[in-house]
C-alpha cells in the first residue's frame, strides 16, 4: 500500500510517498481502508518536533531520537471497514467508520490502518460525508467532551467558551448547548457568525470587548484556546 512517511524531523519536505506493507488486523481489530484524513496540528508538531525546550529529552525518548518512531503520521481518519478480526462483533466489512489513531500509533496517512474495534472508533452517521467525519473525528470533540464532563456541566448553567471558533472550541459550544447550558462564545470578529451558527446564545468579540470587564458570572469558563488564565477570569467564576 502507499503511505506518506516522515523520514526525519523537519519541514514538509521530510514527508515522502512510499510503498509499505499493508497491515493485517489482530483478533480484536478492524482494517480500515482510509478514504479521508486531516492535517492535524499534532501531526505538524511531531513532524517539526515542536516541543518546549524543557521537554526536549523526554519527547525524543517518547517520539523517536532522530525521526518519529511511528513514521506514518495522521491522527484522524474516516473510511470503510475492509476486514475484521475474529473477535470483532461491533463492525462488519463495508461499514463506514471514523476515529482517532492517537492511541494506536498514528498511521492515518496511508491507504489502510488497523484500529482496535473497541477503541476510539464509531460508525459514520448516514447524513455525514466521509470527509466531514474525518474532520470531526475525535480530537477536538473528545477533548471538549472530557473537559465539560470533568466540569460536571448541568442544564441551565452559564458556560463561557474562550476560543470558541477553534477545533476544541467549536465542539465545546455545541456540546454545552446539547447539555442544556447557556453558552457565551469568545472569538475574533471574523468568526462571530460561525459561533452564532454553532448555537452560542451570546458571542463576544475579544478584539473589541474584554469578557472579564463586566459583571457576568459563569458556572464554567472553558479556555479552549489556552490563551486565558485563572488569575484573569477568576472574578467571573461562579464556583
Protein backbone atom coordinates (compact mmCIF):
# COMPACT_ATOMS: atom_id res chain seq x y z
CA UNK A 1 0.00 0.00 0.00
CA UNK A 2 1.03 3.63 -0.32
CA UNK A 3 1.70 5.83 2.70
CA UNK A 4 3.19 9.22 3.49
CA UNK A 5 6.29 8.52 5.58
CA UNK A 6 8.03 11.03 7.82
CA UNK A 7 11.73 10.33 7.19
CA UNK A 8 13.13 12.80 9.74
CA UNK A 9 12.15 15.76 11.90
CA UNK A 10 11.90 18.93 9.85
CA UNK A 11 9.92 20.87 7.23
CA UNK A 12 7.21 19.35 4.98
CA UNK A 13 9.93 18.13 2.60
CA UNK A 14 10.80 15.31 5.04
CA UNK A 15 7.49 13.64 4.08
CA UNK A 16 7.77 11.06 1.29
CA UNK A 17 5.19 8.92 -0.51
CA UNK A 18 6.35 5.30 -0.28
CA UNK A 19 5.15 1.74 -0.70
CA UNK A 20 4.89 -0.02 2.66
CA UNK A 21 3.48 -3.31 3.88
CA UNK A 22 -0.29 -3.49 4.23
CA UNK A 23 -1.29 -4.21 7.85
CA UNK A 24 -3.24 -7.28 8.96
CA UNK A 25 -5.87 -6.86 11.69
CA UNK A 26 -5.42 -8.65 15.00
CA UNK A 27 -8.29 -10.63 16.50
CA UNK A 28 -9.80 -7.53 18.14
CA UNK A 29 -9.08 -5.06 15.33
CA UNK A 30 -10.66 -3.76 12.16
CA UNK A 31 -8.75 -2.97 8.98
CA UNK A 32 -9.89 0.38 7.61
CA UNK A 33 -9.49 1.46 4.02
CA UNK A 34 -8.79 5.15 4.58
CA UNK A 35 -10.88 7.48 2.44
CA UNK A 36 -10.12 10.76 4.24
CA UNK A 37 -7.80 12.13 6.89
CA UNK A 38 -6.74 15.53 8.24
CA UNK A 39 -3.67 17.69 8.67
CA UNK A 40 -3.86 17.81 12.45
CA UNK A 41 -1.81 20.32 14.42
CA UNK A 42 -0.43 17.39 16.40
CA UNK A 43 0.94 15.81 13.23
CA UNK A 44 2.61 19.08 12.30
CA UNK A 45 4.17 19.48 15.73
CA UNK A 46 5.52 15.93 15.69
CA UNK A 47 6.96 16.36 12.20
CA UNK A 48 8.66 19.63 13.20
CA UNK A 49 9.49 18.34 16.70
CA UNK A 50 7.84 21.45 18.04
CA UNK A 51 8.10 21.00 21.81
CA UNK A 52 9.21 23.30 24.65
CA UNK A 53 12.95 23.17 25.32
CA UNK A 54 12.48 21.66 28.77
CA UNK A 55 10.51 18.76 27.24
CA UNK A 56 13.10 18.01 24.55
CA UNK A 57 14.69 14.90 26.07
CA UNK A 58 11.52 13.18 27.24
CA UNK A 59 9.83 13.99 23.91
CA UNK A 60 12.74 12.48 21.96
CA UNK A 61 12.56 9.34 24.07
CA UNK A 62 8.81 9.11 23.56
CA UNK A 63 8.61 10.02 19.86
CA UNK A 64 11.96 8.85 18.50
CA UNK A 65 15.54 10.10 18.69
CA UNK A 66 16.37 11.11 15.11
CA UNK A 67 12.96 10.67 13.46
CA UNK A 68 9.44 9.69 14.52
CA UNK A 69 9.34 6.14 15.85
CA UNK A 70 5.96 5.79 14.15
CA UNK A 71 6.92 7.26 10.76
CA UNK A 72 3.41 7.29 9.29
CA UNK A 73 1.65 10.24 10.91
CA UNK A 74 -2.07 11.04 10.83
CA UNK A 75 -4.24 11.22 13.95
CA UNK A 76 -7.73 11.15 12.41
CA UNK A 77 -9.36 9.11 9.69
CA UNK A 78 -12.60 8.04 8.09
CA UNK A 79 -13.18 5.19 5.71
CA UNK A 80 -14.63 1.74 5.15
CA UNK A 81 -14.05 -1.50 7.03
CA UNK A 82 -12.02 -3.76 4.76
CA UNK A 83 -11.69 -6.71 7.15
CA UNK A 84 -12.40 -7.59 10.79
CA UNK A 85 -10.60 -9.73 13.36
CA UNK A 86 -12.17 -12.97 14.51
CA UNK A 87 -13.32 -11.48 17.83
CA UNK A 88 -14.92 -8.35 16.37
CA UNK A 89 -18.72 -8.15 16.51
CA UNK A 90 -19.18 -4.38 16.64
CA UNK A 91 -18.40 -3.81 12.95
CA UNK A 92 -18.57 -5.74 9.71
CA UNK A 93 -16.98 -5.45 6.30
CA UNK A 94 -18.31 -2.48 4.37
CA UNK A 95 -19.24 -0.37 7.41
CA UNK A 96 -18.35 3.32 7.20
CA UNK A 97 -16.41 4.32 10.30
CA UNK A 98 -14.32 7.18 11.65
CA UNK A 99 -11.98 7.51 14.56
CA UNK A 100 -8.77 8.60 16.21
CA UNK A 101 -5.42 6.86 15.80
CA UNK A 102 -3.80 8.74 18.68
CA UNK A 103 -3.64 5.70 20.96
CA UNK A 104 -2.79 3.23 18.21
CA UNK A 105 0.44 4.60 16.80
CA UNK A 106 -0.97 7.25 14.43
CA UNK A 107 -0.86 5.95 10.81
CA UNK A 108 -3.81 7.65 9.10
CA UNK A 109 -1.60 8.94 6.25
CA UNK A 110 -1.86 5.59 4.50
CA UNK A 111 -4.27 3.61 2.37
CA UNK A 112 -5.02 1.21 5.24
CA UNK A 113 -4.90 1.36 9.03
CA UNK A 114 -5.77 -1.18 11.74
CA UNK A 115 -7.73 0.10 14.73
CA UNK A 116 -8.98 -1.63 17.91
CA UNK A 117 -12.68 -2.27 17.41
CA UNK A 118 -13.37 -1.27 20.99
CA UNK A 119 -11.28 1.88 20.83
CA UNK A 120 -11.90 5.44 19.67
CA UNK A 121 -13.85 4.49 16.56
CA UNK A 122 -17.52 4.78 15.63
CA UNK A 123 -19.94 4.44 12.72
CA UNK A 124 -20.35 7.44 10.43
CA UNK A 125 -23.93 8.79 10.57
CA UNK A 126 -25.83 8.42 7.30
CA UNK A 127 -26.12 12.19 6.83
CA UNK A 128 -22.37 12.81 7.26
CA UNK A 129 -19.83 12.52 4.45
CA UNK A 130 -16.53 10.71 4.86
CA UNK A 131 -14.64 13.99 4.65
CA UNK A 132 -16.84 15.60 7.30
CA UNK A 133 -16.37 12.59 9.56
CA UNK A 134 -12.59 12.71 9.24
CA UNK A 135 -12.51 16.41 10.04
CA UNK A 136 -14.71 15.87 13.07
CA UNK A 137 -13.12 12.69 14.22
CA UNK A 138 -12.13 12.73 17.63
CA UNK A 139 -9.50 15.10 18.81
CA UNK A 140 -11.40 18.36 19.26
CA UNK A 141 -14.69 16.75 20.17
CA UNK A 142 -13.25 14.26 22.63
CA UNK A 143 -11.19 16.93 24.35
CA UNK A 144 -14.21 19.21 24.68
CA UNK A 145 -16.41 16.39 25.98
CA UNK A 146 -13.88 15.26 28.58
CA UNK A 147 -13.42 18.80 29.90
CA UNK A 148 -17.15 19.51 30.13
CA UNK A 149 -17.78 16.21 31.89
CA UNK A 150 -14.90 16.96 34.27
CA UNK A 151 -16.56 20.29 34.99
CA UNK A 152 -19.82 18.41 35.74
CA UNK A 153 -21.83 20.57 33.37
CA UNK A 154 -25.54 20.81 34.17
CA UNK A 155 -28.63 22.13 32.32
CA UNK A 156 -29.19 25.83 32.85
CA UNK A 157 -25.62 26.66 33.78
CA UNK A 158 -23.85 29.62 32.25
CA UNK A 159 -20.82 28.49 30.24
CA UNK A 160 -18.22 30.72 28.59
CA UNK A 161 -16.05 29.20 25.87
CA UNK A 162 -12.89 31.21 25.20
CA UNK A 163 -11.52 30.35 21.76
CA UNK A 164 -14.97 29.28 20.57
CA UNK A 165 -14.04 29.10 16.87
CA UNK A 166 -11.14 26.65 17.14
CA UNK A 167 -11.06 22.86 16.87
CA UNK A 168 -11.89 22.28 20.55
CA UNK A 169 -13.99 25.42 20.99
CA UNK A 170 -16.45 24.69 18.19
CA UNK A 171 -17.23 21.34 19.80
CA UNK A 172 -17.36 22.87 23.27
CA UNK A 173 -20.06 25.32 22.16
CA UNK A 174 -22.19 22.61 20.56
CA UNK A 175 -21.77 20.13 23.40
CA UNK A 176 -22.50 22.72 26.07
CA UNK A 177 -25.74 23.57 24.24
CA UNK A 178 -26.51 19.86 23.97
CA UNK A 179 -26.20 19.60 27.76
CA UNK A 180 -28.67 22.47 28.16
CA UNK A 181 -26.29 25.25 29.14
CA UNK A 182 -26.48 28.95 28.28
CA UNK A 183 -23.38 29.46 26.17
CA UNK A 184 -21.27 32.56 25.57
CA UNK A 185 -18.57 32.21 22.93
CA UNK A 186 -15.46 34.39 22.74
CA UNK A 187 -13.77 34.71 19.34
CA UNK A 188 -12.45 37.19 16.77
CA UNK A 189 -14.64 39.44 14.61
CA UNK A 190 -14.47 37.24 11.51
CA UNK A 191 -15.63 34.14 13.39
CA UNK A 192 -18.63 35.58 15.19
CA UNK A 193 -21.21 34.37 12.65
CA UNK A 194 -19.75 30.86 12.82
CA UNK A 195 -20.01 30.71 16.60
CA UNK A 196 -23.58 32.02 16.47
CA UNK A 197 -24.45 29.32 13.93
CA UNK A 198 -23.00 26.70 16.28
CA UNK A 199 -25.63 27.68 18.83
CA UNK A 200 -23.98 30.18 21.14
CA UNK A 201 -26.53 32.35 22.95
CA UNK A 202 -24.11 35.27 23.01
CA UNK A 203 -20.83 35.96 21.21
CA UNK A 204 -18.10 38.32 22.43
CA UNK A 205 -15.53 39.76 20.04
CA UNK A 206 -12.33 39.69 22.07
CA UNK A 207 -10.75 42.34 19.82
CA UNK A 208 -13.38 44.84 20.99
CA UNK A 209 -14.53 43.64 24.39
CA UNK A 210 -12.91 42.09 27.46
CA UNK A 211 -15.20 39.35 28.79
CA UNK A 212 -13.79 39.88 32.29
CA UNK A 213 -14.72 43.59 32.35
CA UNK A 214 -18.42 43.11 33.03
CA UNK A 215 -20.36 41.74 35.98
CA UNK A 216 -21.41 38.45 34.34
CA UNK A 217 -20.71 35.35 36.43
CA UNK A 218 -20.24 31.95 34.79
CA UNK A 219 -20.53 28.47 36.23
CA UNK A 220 -17.91 27.13 33.81
CA UNK A 221 -15.20 29.00 31.91
CA UNK A 222 -13.68 26.78 29.25
CA UNK A 223 -10.40 28.14 27.85
CA UNK A 224 -10.35 26.18 24.59
CA UNK A 225 -7.54 28.27 23.12
CA UNK A 226 -5.09 28.16 26.01
CA UNK A 227 -4.78 31.94 25.94
CA UNK A 228 -6.53 32.95 29.12
CA UNK A 229 -5.62 32.29 32.75
CA UNK A 230 -7.30 31.54 36.06
CA UNK A 231 -5.97 34.77 37.55
CA UNK A 232 -7.60 36.74 34.76
CA UNK A 233 -11.02 35.11 34.85
CA UNK A 234 -11.46 34.11 38.50
CA UNK A 235 -13.67 37.11 39.28
CA UNK A 236 -16.11 35.85 36.63
CA UNK A 237 -16.14 32.34 38.02
CA UNK A 238 -19.22 31.35 39.98
CA UNK A 239 -17.91 28.25 41.74
